[in-house]
Protein backbone atom coordinates (compact mmCIF):
# COMPACT_ATOMS: atom_id res chain seq x y z
CA MET A 1 81.95 -76.68 6.15
CA GLY A 2 77.85 -77.57 6.54
CA GLU A 3 74.95 -76.40 8.23
CA ARG A 4 74.63 -76.00 11.94
CA ILE A 5 71.01 -77.08 13.49
CA SER A 6 70.28 -77.09 17.05
CA PRO A 7 71.47 -79.87 19.03
CA TRP A 8 69.12 -82.86 19.33
CA ILE A 9 68.38 -85.37 22.69
CA PRO A 10 67.06 -88.75 21.94
CA SER A 11 64.68 -89.03 24.12
CA CYS A 12 66.18 -92.90 25.38
CA ASN A 13 68.93 -91.03 26.83
CA GLY A 14 69.21 -87.29 27.90
CA SER A 15 72.99 -87.40 28.21
CA ILE A 16 73.55 -87.62 24.56
CA ARG A 17 73.45 -84.68 22.37
CA VAL A 18 73.48 -85.02 18.29
CA GLU A 19 75.09 -82.44 16.82
CA LEU A 20 75.20 -81.21 13.11
CA ASP A 21 77.92 -78.63 12.43
CA GLY A 22 80.09 -79.76 9.42
CA GLN A 23 83.50 -81.30 11.05
CA ARG A 24 85.62 -83.24 8.62
CA THR A 25 84.37 -86.86 9.15
CA THR A 26 83.73 -89.63 6.71
CA SER A 27 82.12 -93.03 6.92
CA ASP A 28 83.72 -94.59 3.71
CA SER A 29 87.20 -94.37 5.17
CA GLY A 30 87.95 -97.73 3.16
CA ALA A 31 87.71 -95.51 -0.07
CA LEU A 32 91.35 -94.86 0.29
CA LEU A 33 92.37 -98.41 0.54
CA LEU A 34 90.32 -98.69 -2.71
CA ARG A 35 92.36 -95.92 -4.23
CA GLU A 36 95.47 -97.27 -3.35
CA ALA A 37 94.71 -100.85 -4.96
CA LEU A 38 93.36 -98.66 -7.74
CA ASP A 39 96.66 -97.01 -8.34
CA ASN A 40 98.51 -100.22 -7.73
CA SER A 41 96.77 -101.69 -11.29
CA GLY A 42 98.47 -99.03 -13.29
CA VAL A 43 94.89 -98.92 -15.00
CA ILE A 44 93.82 -95.34 -14.66
CA ASP A 45 96.92 -94.05 -16.04
CA ALA A 46 96.84 -96.76 -18.88
CA LEU A 47 93.14 -95.30 -19.60
CA GLU A 48 93.93 -91.52 -19.71
CA ASP A 49 97.18 -92.36 -21.90
CA HIS A 50 95.03 -93.67 -24.58
CA LEU A 51 91.41 -92.31 -24.47
CA VAL A 52 90.12 -89.67 -26.62
CA ASP A 53 89.07 -86.44 -24.80
CA ARG A 54 87.65 -84.14 -26.95
CA ARG A 55 86.84 -81.32 -24.23
CA ASP A 56 88.36 -78.39 -24.85
CA PRO A 57 91.33 -78.03 -22.42
CA GLN A 58 90.78 -74.09 -21.24
CA ARG A 59 87.40 -75.50 -19.93
CA VAL A 60 87.99 -78.74 -18.38
CA ARG A 61 87.83 -78.39 -14.18
CA HIS A 62 88.28 -82.40 -13.75
CA SER A 63 90.31 -84.69 -15.28
CA LEU A 64 89.32 -88.03 -17.16
CA ALA A 65 91.00 -89.59 -14.39
CA SER A 66 89.72 -88.19 -11.54
CA GLN A 67 86.07 -89.46 -12.86
CA LEU A 68 87.01 -92.51 -13.33
CA ARG A 69 87.89 -92.74 -10.25
CA THR A 70 84.62 -91.36 -8.95
CA VAL A 71 82.52 -93.83 -10.50
CA VAL A 72 84.47 -96.72 -9.75
CA LEU A 73 85.43 -95.98 -6.62
CA GLN A 74 82.11 -94.80 -5.46
CA ARG A 75 80.40 -97.88 -7.15
CA ALA A 76 82.78 -100.31 -5.19
CA MET A 77 81.71 -98.47 -2.00
CA GLY A 78 78.20 -98.78 -2.80
CA TRP A 79 77.28 -95.53 -3.95
CA ILE A 80 75.34 -96.97 -7.14
CA ASP A 81 74.04 -93.75 -8.43
CA LEU A 82 76.08 -91.23 -10.47
CA SER A 83 73.78 -88.67 -8.44
CA ASP A 84 75.74 -89.85 -5.14
CA THR A 85 78.66 -87.92 -6.15
CA ASP A 86 76.44 -84.77 -5.23
CA THR A 87 75.56 -86.61 -2.02
CA LEU A 88 79.34 -86.96 -1.30
CA ARG A 89 80.32 -83.29 -2.45
CA ARG A 90 81.78 -81.76 0.88
CA ASP A 91 83.20 -85.61 2.35
CA PRO A 92 86.68 -84.68 2.43
CA LEU A 93 87.88 -88.28 2.13
CA TRP A 94 86.41 -88.57 -0.97
CA GLN A 95 87.44 -85.26 -2.12
CA LEU A 96 91.35 -86.76 -1.68
CA ALA A 97 90.61 -90.19 -2.64
CA CYS A 98 89.53 -89.29 -6.69
CA SER A 99 91.29 -86.34 -7.29
CA ASP A 100 94.70 -85.87 -8.93
CA ALA A 101 96.29 -83.59 -6.83
CA ARG A 102 98.37 -83.52 -4.00
CA GLY A 103 98.61 -82.25 -0.60
CA THR A 104 95.71 -80.21 0.93
CA THR A 105 94.86 -78.52 -2.29
CA PRO A 106 91.92 -82.13 -2.90
CA LEU A 107 90.04 -80.62 0.10
CA ALA A 108 89.65 -76.98 -1.46
CA GLN A 109 88.59 -78.39 -4.86
CA SER A 110 84.61 -78.91 -5.48
CA ARG A 111 83.51 -82.92 -6.87
CA PRO A 112 82.00 -83.26 -10.58
CA SER A 113 78.64 -83.33 -10.79
CA GLN A 114 76.05 -86.03 -11.95
CA ALA A 115 76.12 -84.02 -15.21
CA THR A 116 79.93 -84.24 -15.82
CA LEU A 117 79.85 -88.13 -14.97
CA SER A 118 77.20 -88.25 -17.32
CA ARG A 119 79.19 -86.62 -20.22
CA LEU A 120 82.15 -88.83 -18.87
CA LEU A 121 79.84 -92.03 -20.39
CA THR A 122 78.85 -90.47 -23.22
CA CYS A 123 82.83 -89.76 -23.90
CA LEU A 124 83.84 -93.51 -22.96
CA GLY A 125 80.91 -94.70 -25.26
CA HIS A 126 82.40 -93.10 -28.23
CA HIS A 127 83.92 -96.18 -31.00
CA ASP A 128 87.24 -94.81 -30.28
CA ASN A 129 87.08 -95.24 -26.14
CA ILE A 130 85.24 -98.03 -26.18
CA ASP A 131 87.79 -100.72 -27.18
CA THR A 132 90.36 -98.93 -24.61
CA LEU A 133 88.31 -99.58 -21.44
CA HIS A 134 87.66 -103.29 -22.64
CA GLU A 135 91.47 -103.13 -22.30
CA GLY A 136 91.57 -101.29 -19.21
CA LEU A 137 89.08 -104.29 -17.44
CA LEU A 138 91.57 -107.08 -18.89
CA ARG A 139 94.18 -105.14 -17.10
CA LEU A 140 92.84 -105.08 -13.94
CA ALA A 141 92.18 -108.88 -14.25
CA VAL A 142 95.67 -109.33 -14.85
CA TRP A 143 96.93 -107.26 -12.41
CA ARG A 144 94.97 -109.36 -9.87
CA LEU A 145 95.71 -112.11 -10.84
CA THR A 146 99.82 -111.48 -10.79
CA SER A 147 100.11 -109.02 -7.96
CA LEU A 148 99.37 -111.57 -5.00
CA ASN A 149 101.51 -114.24 -7.12
CA GLY A 150 104.72 -112.74 -6.57
CA GLY A 151 104.66 -111.62 -9.93
CA ASP A 152 104.03 -114.76 -11.96
CA ARG A 153 101.38 -114.68 -14.60
CA PRO A 154 99.70 -118.06 -14.78
CA LYS A 155 100.16 -120.93 -17.54
CA HIS A 156 96.69 -122.27 -17.90
CA LEU A 157 93.44 -120.16 -17.70
CA THR A 158 89.61 -121.40 -18.48
CA LEU A 159 87.35 -118.50 -19.37
CA ASP A 160 83.73 -118.62 -18.47
CA ILE A 161 81.43 -117.15 -20.77
CA ASP A 162 77.43 -116.40 -20.00
CA GLY A 163 74.79 -114.35 -20.11
CA LEU A 164 73.75 -111.53 -17.07
CA PRO A 165 70.58 -110.47 -17.55
CA ILE A 166 69.89 -107.29 -16.10
CA GLU A 167 66.56 -105.51 -15.50
CA VAL A 168 65.75 -102.21 -16.59
CA HIS A 169 63.51 -99.75 -15.17
CA GLY A 170 62.05 -97.92 -18.33
CA HIS A 171 62.42 -98.31 -21.91
CA GLN A 172 65.89 -97.56 -22.26
CA GLY A 173 66.87 -98.39 -26.06
CA GLY A 174 67.94 -101.74 -26.90
CA SER A 175 66.52 -103.22 -23.84
CA ASP A 176 63.27 -105.24 -24.39
CA TYR A 177 60.61 -107.81 -22.36
CA HIS A 178 61.95 -111.81 -22.16
CA GLY A 179 59.74 -113.94 -21.44
CA HIS A 180 61.89 -116.27 -19.95
CA VAL A 181 63.37 -113.85 -17.16
CA GLY A 182 59.72 -112.15 -17.39
CA THR A 183 60.57 -108.64 -17.17
CA ARG A 184 62.39 -106.10 -19.63
CA ILE A 185 65.83 -106.30 -19.39
CA TYR A 186 69.34 -106.07 -21.38
CA SER A 187 70.95 -109.65 -21.94
CA PRO A 188 75.07 -108.85 -21.62
CA LEU A 189 78.01 -111.63 -21.89
CA ILE A 190 80.21 -111.80 -19.22
CA ALA A 191 83.65 -113.49 -19.62
CA SER A 192 85.19 -114.38 -16.21
CA LEU A 193 87.30 -117.24 -14.20
CA ALA A 194 84.91 -119.39 -12.03
CA GLU A 195 88.31 -120.33 -10.60
CA THR A 196 89.83 -117.40 -9.50
CA GLY A 197 86.65 -114.78 -9.53
CA ASP A 198 88.00 -112.49 -11.67
CA MET A 199 85.60 -110.48 -14.44
CA LEU A 200 87.58 -110.38 -17.68
CA GLY A 201 85.29 -108.72 -19.79
CA GLY A 202 81.72 -107.56 -20.86
CA LEU A 203 79.30 -107.18 -23.92
CA LEU A 204 75.82 -105.23 -23.77
CA ARG A 205 73.51 -107.05 -25.96
CA GLU A 206 69.69 -106.12 -26.95
CA GLY A 207 67.29 -107.56 -24.35
CA ASN A 208 65.82 -110.04 -27.16
CA ALA A 209 69.06 -111.13 -28.25
CA GLY A 210 69.26 -114.67 -28.47
CA PRO A 211 72.00 -116.88 -26.20
CA ALA A 212 74.72 -117.51 -28.14
CA GLU A 213 74.01 -114.40 -30.16
CA ASN A 214 77.73 -112.51 -30.99
CA ALA A 215 79.58 -115.42 -29.13
CA ASP A 216 81.44 -116.92 -32.12
CA THR A 217 83.34 -113.28 -32.63
CA TRP A 218 83.71 -112.09 -29.11
CA ILE A 219 84.81 -114.91 -27.41
CA PRO A 220 87.79 -115.91 -29.77
CA HIS A 221 88.54 -112.12 -29.45
CA VAL A 222 88.88 -112.47 -25.35
CA VAL A 223 90.50 -115.62 -25.35
CA ARG A 224 93.05 -113.73 -27.72
CA ARG A 225 93.52 -110.66 -25.89
CA LEU A 226 93.39 -112.93 -22.71
CA ASN A 227 96.47 -114.93 -24.14
CA GLU A 228 98.39 -111.81 -25.65
CA SER A 229 98.44 -110.19 -21.88
CA THR A 230 99.69 -112.74 -19.83
CA GLY A 231 100.96 -115.61 -22.14
CA ALA A 232 98.85 -118.23 -20.93
CA LYS A 233 97.23 -121.49 -22.81
CA VAL A 234 93.31 -120.39 -22.63
CA ARG A 235 90.37 -123.34 -23.06
CA VAL A 236 86.74 -122.16 -23.02
CA ARG A 237 83.87 -123.27 -20.69
CA ILE A 238 80.40 -122.65 -21.92
CA ASP A 239 77.05 -123.91 -21.06
CA ALA A 240 74.44 -125.24 -23.38
CA GLY A 241 73.20 -121.96 -24.92
CA PHE A 242 76.45 -121.71 -26.37
CA THR A 243 77.37 -125.07 -27.97
CA GLY A 244 75.39 -124.44 -31.28
CA ASN A 245 77.66 -125.04 -34.11
CA ASP A 246 78.96 -121.47 -34.94
CA THR A 247 80.26 -120.66 -31.55
CA LEU A 248 81.93 -124.60 -31.81
CA GLU A 249 83.55 -124.07 -35.11
CA ALA A 250 84.76 -120.23 -34.53
CA LEU A 251 86.69 -122.22 -31.25
CA GLU A 252 87.98 -124.57 -33.52
CA GLU A 253 89.20 -122.68 -36.79
CA ARG A 254 91.69 -120.47 -33.89
CA ASN A 255 92.70 -124.13 -31.85
CA ILE A 256 91.17 -123.18 -28.85
CA GLU A 257 90.19 -125.46 -26.41
CA TYR A 258 86.46 -125.77 -24.75
CA LEU A 259 84.12 -127.91 -23.24
CA GLY A 260 80.14 -127.13 -22.84
CA ARG A 261 77.04 -128.63 -21.87
CA LEU A 262 74.83 -130.55 -25.12
CA ARG A 263 71.08 -129.41 -24.96
CA SER A 264 69.05 -132.82 -25.09
CA HIS A 265 67.37 -134.09 -28.00
CA SER A 266 66.39 -137.57 -29.79
CA GLY A 267 69.57 -138.04 -31.28
CA LEU A 268 71.41 -137.54 -28.10
CA GLN A 269 68.77 -139.69 -26.22
CA THR A 270 69.24 -142.46 -28.53
CA LEU A 271 72.60 -142.54 -28.23
CA ALA A 272 72.51 -142.63 -24.56
CA ALA A 273 69.83 -145.42 -24.53
CA PRO A 274 72.23 -148.26 -24.25
CA TYR A 275 74.28 -146.85 -21.23
CA LEU A 276 71.11 -146.04 -19.43
CA LYS A 277 70.72 -149.52 -17.26
CA ARG A 278 71.38 -149.74 -14.17
CA PRO A 279 73.88 -152.94 -13.08
CA ARG A 280 72.79 -155.83 -11.41
CA GLY A 281 72.40 -156.45 -7.37
CA ARG A 282 71.54 -153.74 -4.86
CA PRO A 283 72.54 -150.25 -5.20
CA PRO A 284 75.39 -148.80 -3.01
CA ASP A 285 74.50 -146.71 0.21
CA GLN A 286 76.02 -143.84 -2.10
CA PRO A 287 74.78 -142.63 -5.89
CA ARG A 288 77.33 -143.84 -8.55
CA GLU A 289 78.00 -142.13 -11.17
CA TRP A 290 79.79 -143.15 -15.20
CA CYS A 291 81.43 -141.34 -17.48
CA HIS A 292 81.25 -142.53 -21.60
CA ASP A 293 83.95 -141.24 -23.98
CA LEU A 294 81.80 -141.28 -26.80
CA THR A 295 81.86 -139.10 -30.77
CA TYR A 296 78.37 -138.01 -31.99
CA GLN A 297 77.90 -135.65 -35.02
CA ALA A 298 74.62 -133.79 -34.97
CA GLY A 299 72.79 -132.45 -38.13
CA SER A 300 74.09 -128.93 -38.10
CA TRP A 301 77.66 -130.45 -37.58
CA PRO A 302 80.01 -131.13 -40.30
CA SER A 303 81.68 -133.38 -38.64
CA PRO A 304 81.93 -135.58 -35.73
CA ARG A 305 83.32 -134.44 -32.00
CA ARG A 306 84.27 -135.58 -28.71
CA VAL A 307 80.84 -135.83 -26.45
CA VAL A 308 80.99 -137.29 -23.17
CA LEU A 309 77.85 -139.04 -21.41
CA VAL A 310 77.52 -138.70 -17.86
CA VAL A 311 75.03 -141.09 -16.30
CA GLN A 312 74.04 -140.10 -12.87
CA GLU A 313 71.99 -142.97 -10.31
CA ARG A 314 69.87 -140.23 -7.93
CA PRO A 315 68.36 -141.62 -4.76
CA ASP A 316 64.60 -142.93 -4.65
CA ASP A 317 64.87 -142.41 -8.67
CA LEU A 318 63.92 -145.69 -10.74
CA LEU A 319 65.41 -143.82 -13.66
CA LEU A 320 68.97 -143.16 -14.58
CA HIS A 321 69.49 -139.32 -14.85
CA SER A 322 72.23 -138.60 -17.91
CA PHE A 323 73.56 -135.24 -19.95
CA PHE A 324 76.42 -134.45 -22.67
CA LEU A 325 79.03 -132.54 -22.57
CA VAL A 326 80.91 -131.93 -25.87
CA THR A 327 84.63 -130.86 -26.28
CA ASN A 328 88.13 -130.56 -28.52
CA LEU A 329 90.14 -131.81 -25.10
CA GLY A 330 92.59 -134.45 -25.93
CA THR A 331 91.46 -138.03 -24.57
CA PHE A 332 95.06 -138.85 -23.20
CA ASP A 333 95.33 -135.59 -21.18
CA TRP A 334 91.75 -135.18 -20.56
CA PRO A 335 89.76 -138.45 -19.67
CA PRO A 336 86.25 -138.43 -19.27
CA GLU A 337 86.06 -138.16 -15.29
CA LYS A 338 88.71 -134.92 -15.75
CA VAL A 339 86.88 -133.53 -17.81
CA LEU A 340 83.49 -133.73 -16.00
CA ALA A 341 85.51 -132.24 -12.83
CA LEU A 342 86.60 -129.24 -14.98
CA TYR A 343 83.22 -129.06 -15.89
CA ARG A 344 81.59 -128.54 -12.72
CA LYS A 345 83.56 -126.06 -11.35
CA ARG A 346 81.95 -123.30 -13.50
CA GLY A 347 79.03 -123.39 -10.90
CA LYS A 348 81.82 -120.60 -9.41
CA ALA A 349 81.44 -118.66 -12.08
CA GLU A 350 77.46 -118.40 -11.60
CA ALA A 351 77.89 -117.33 -8.27
CA HIS A 352 80.56 -114.46 -8.28
CA MET A 353 78.24 -113.19 -11.43
CA GLY A 354 75.65 -113.20 -8.99
CA GLU A 355 77.81 -111.46 -6.54
CA VAL A 356 78.63 -108.86 -9.07
CA LYS A 357 74.63 -107.91 -9.11
CA SER A 358 74.23 -108.56 -5.77
CA ALA A 359 77.03 -106.30 -4.29
CA LEU A 360 76.79 -103.66 -6.94
CA ASP A 361 73.63 -103.73 -7.39
CA VAL A 362 74.39 -102.70 -11.58
CA HIS A 363 71.46 -101.04 -13.25
CA LEU A 364 71.37 -99.21 -16.64
CA SER A 365 69.84 -96.61 -17.19
CA SER A 366 70.81 -94.39 -20.10
CA THR A 367 68.27 -93.28 -22.02
CA ASP A 368 67.23 -91.71 -25.27
CA ARG A 369 68.63 -87.71 -24.53
CA GLY A 370 68.61 -84.92 -27.91
CA GLY A 371 69.82 -86.64 -30.93
CA SER A 372 71.18 -89.98 -29.28
CA THR A 373 70.33 -93.43 -31.21
CA VAL A 374 69.92 -96.79 -30.20
CA GLN A 375 73.11 -97.38 -30.82
CA ASP A 376 74.47 -94.28 -28.83
CA VAL A 377 72.12 -95.47 -25.75
CA MET A 378 73.63 -99.14 -25.52
CA ALA A 379 77.04 -97.76 -25.89
CA ARG A 380 76.37 -95.43 -22.52
CA ASN A 381 74.82 -98.31 -21.07
CA GLU A 382 78.25 -100.66 -21.71
CA VAL A 383 80.22 -98.38 -20.90
CA SER A 384 78.19 -97.93 -16.75
CA LEU A 385 78.30 -102.19 -17.20
CA LEU A 386 82.49 -102.25 -17.50
CA LEU A 387 82.75 -99.58 -14.95
CA SER A 388 81.03 -101.91 -12.53
CA LEU A 389 83.20 -104.85 -13.17
CA TYR A 390 86.20 -102.39 -12.81
CA ALA A 391 84.67 -101.59 -9.13
CA TYR A 392 84.18 -105.29 -8.94
CA GLN A 393 87.76 -105.95 -9.30
CA VAL A 394 88.49 -103.25 -7.51
CA LEU A 395 87.26 -105.10 -4.52
CA HIS A 396 87.83 -108.22 -5.45
CA GLY A 397 91.56 -107.48 -5.26
CA LEU A 398 91.62 -106.38 -1.55
CA ARG A 399 89.04 -109.30 -0.81
CA CYS A 400 91.52 -111.70 -2.48
CA LEU A 401 94.35 -110.52 -0.34
CA LEU A 402 92.25 -110.11 2.40
CA GLU A 403 91.67 -113.97 2.47
CA LYS A 404 95.35 -114.67 2.34
CA GLN A 405 95.85 -113.24 5.32
CA THR A 406 93.48 -113.82 7.59
CA ARG A 407 92.75 -117.65 6.00
CA GLN A 408 89.32 -117.71 5.72
CA GLY A 409 86.72 -116.30 3.27
CA TRP A 410 85.27 -113.37 2.54
CA SER A 411 82.15 -111.76 0.36
CA LEU A 412 82.41 -108.70 -1.06
CA THR A 413 79.12 -107.04 1.20
CA ARG A 414 80.64 -108.54 4.21
CA MET A 415 84.12 -106.75 3.58
CA ARG A 416 82.72 -103.85 2.34
CA GLU A 417 79.95 -103.18 6.09
CA GLN A 418 83.07 -104.63 8.15
CA VAL A 419 86.45 -103.13 6.49
CA LEU A 420 85.48 -100.52 4.79
CA LYS A 421 82.50 -98.26 6.04
CA VAL A 422 84.67 -97.47 8.71
CA ALA A 423 84.36 -93.88 10.11
CA ALA A 424 86.94 -91.23 10.61
CA THR A 425 87.74 -87.87 11.34
CA LEU A 426 90.74 -85.72 9.47
CA SER A 427 92.48 -83.21 10.44
CA VAL A 428 94.96 -80.92 9.11
CA HIS A 429 98.16 -79.31 10.26
CA ALA A 430 100.70 -77.77 8.73
CA ARG A 431 100.08 -78.91 5.53
CA ARG A 432 99.38 -82.37 6.89
CA ILE A 433 96.24 -84.18 7.13
CA THR A 434 95.91 -86.63 9.49
CA VAL A 435 92.71 -89.44 8.89
CA HIS A 436 92.28 -91.06 12.70
CA LEU A 437 90.08 -94.02 12.08
CA GLY A 438 87.07 -95.59 14.37
CA ASP A 439 87.76 -98.26 16.43
CA ALA A 440 86.17 -100.73 14.28
CA ALA A 441 89.32 -100.58 12.04
CA ASP A 442 91.33 -102.28 14.69
CA LYS A 443 89.92 -105.81 13.89
CA TRP A 444 90.94 -105.93 10.32
CA TRP A 445 92.48 -103.01 9.19
CA PRO A 446 96.26 -103.78 10.63
CA THR A 447 95.90 -106.90 8.27
CA LEU A 448 94.93 -105.56 5.58
CA LEU A 449 97.82 -103.10 5.63
CA LYS A 450 100.53 -105.65 6.38
CA GLY A 451 99.69 -107.42 3.24
CA MET A 452 99.32 -103.99 0.81
CA PRO A 453 102.40 -104.52 -0.38
CA ARG A 454 101.63 -107.85 -1.78
CA LEU A 455 99.90 -105.31 -4.12
CA THR A 456 102.52 -104.77 -6.49
CA VAL A 457 102.47 -102.39 -9.65
CA LEU A 458 101.61 -103.82 -12.69
CA ALA A 459 104.35 -103.23 -15.13
């Protein structure tokens, strides 16, 4: 199957012989586990049913489903670039993991090239396909939320919205230099669930977009689709960049509950002043914290809103620290201390988005080609962003299963290196393919395989 070379004998040990003889071996046997999870989600079948394929059926060699599996599974396994499919073109396990065919047929099939996958991004970026791709990501999240919970869907969800600056290397259409980040970026919005770690949506924006640009239309849309998909009551948690009047009004008009932090300014400082006095007596050893329920009307607000003033005592600090949260949560069910506790869970969302960037090395590199417009380039890069989030969700589904089985925390990187990047040898006999796993699989694969039935197919 591959090129033969003379055996190489390393100088450290003359008894070792290294041969390149084209055996059916792989280091990515975990791709089969990811394929199983992806099939259980049903997302690829749903996408294939709804995507518009403009190709001539007589000239199609690789279905949209097989190409989608190729991109999502390769990114989940750490093969980020489209060109990596050429590197893996003779890897038998990748032929099996991505193909539509059964039996031994995939071993005789070619894999899609970089050019083919590049055309896939263009196809998915068309206006009649991009919405379908967004729906597929939401389906993956709903599958993950329900599959490990006995099929029961959550009744309450808190949606976190934040920006995820992505550096670009070049002058991709729509990217721009951002002074705060100090480099040329795109500025996408990401919707996630901090408590569960699921990624629900992504909206690519130009590099010079303001923090809340498009938020007043996109957030209500994501909330509506999440509510329709799960039946859950959805509240929104945002930071200070999104608490402008336009976003808050858009949420209030649709009766969406929210809480977020307010940027400090003179009006809020005046409101907080009476509460920034230390109680008499010696401070205790542990720092103290006070919450005050107030109302406030900013100049741009049409009416007063509920705000929660949080006052904090810090060690070795003479002055008290304070900040404000704004919310429309009811005061009876949500006293100020409970509002603060809910807001603090937002930190998990930022940790999960950091994991998206580190474990998946998200980069958006589609550039102008032919008669491409800035909108075309942005659409292809949005597709690339969404497919990276697909890869995250599939990995996250396996990660949550492993955590449930082992009762210990797992990062995506650790899971990939210790569980998925396992060597294997393939043998074919009587139309049967046997995958012989290396010793490294003995530690975690039995535990994971026992739990695989929990990843039930989404109806």
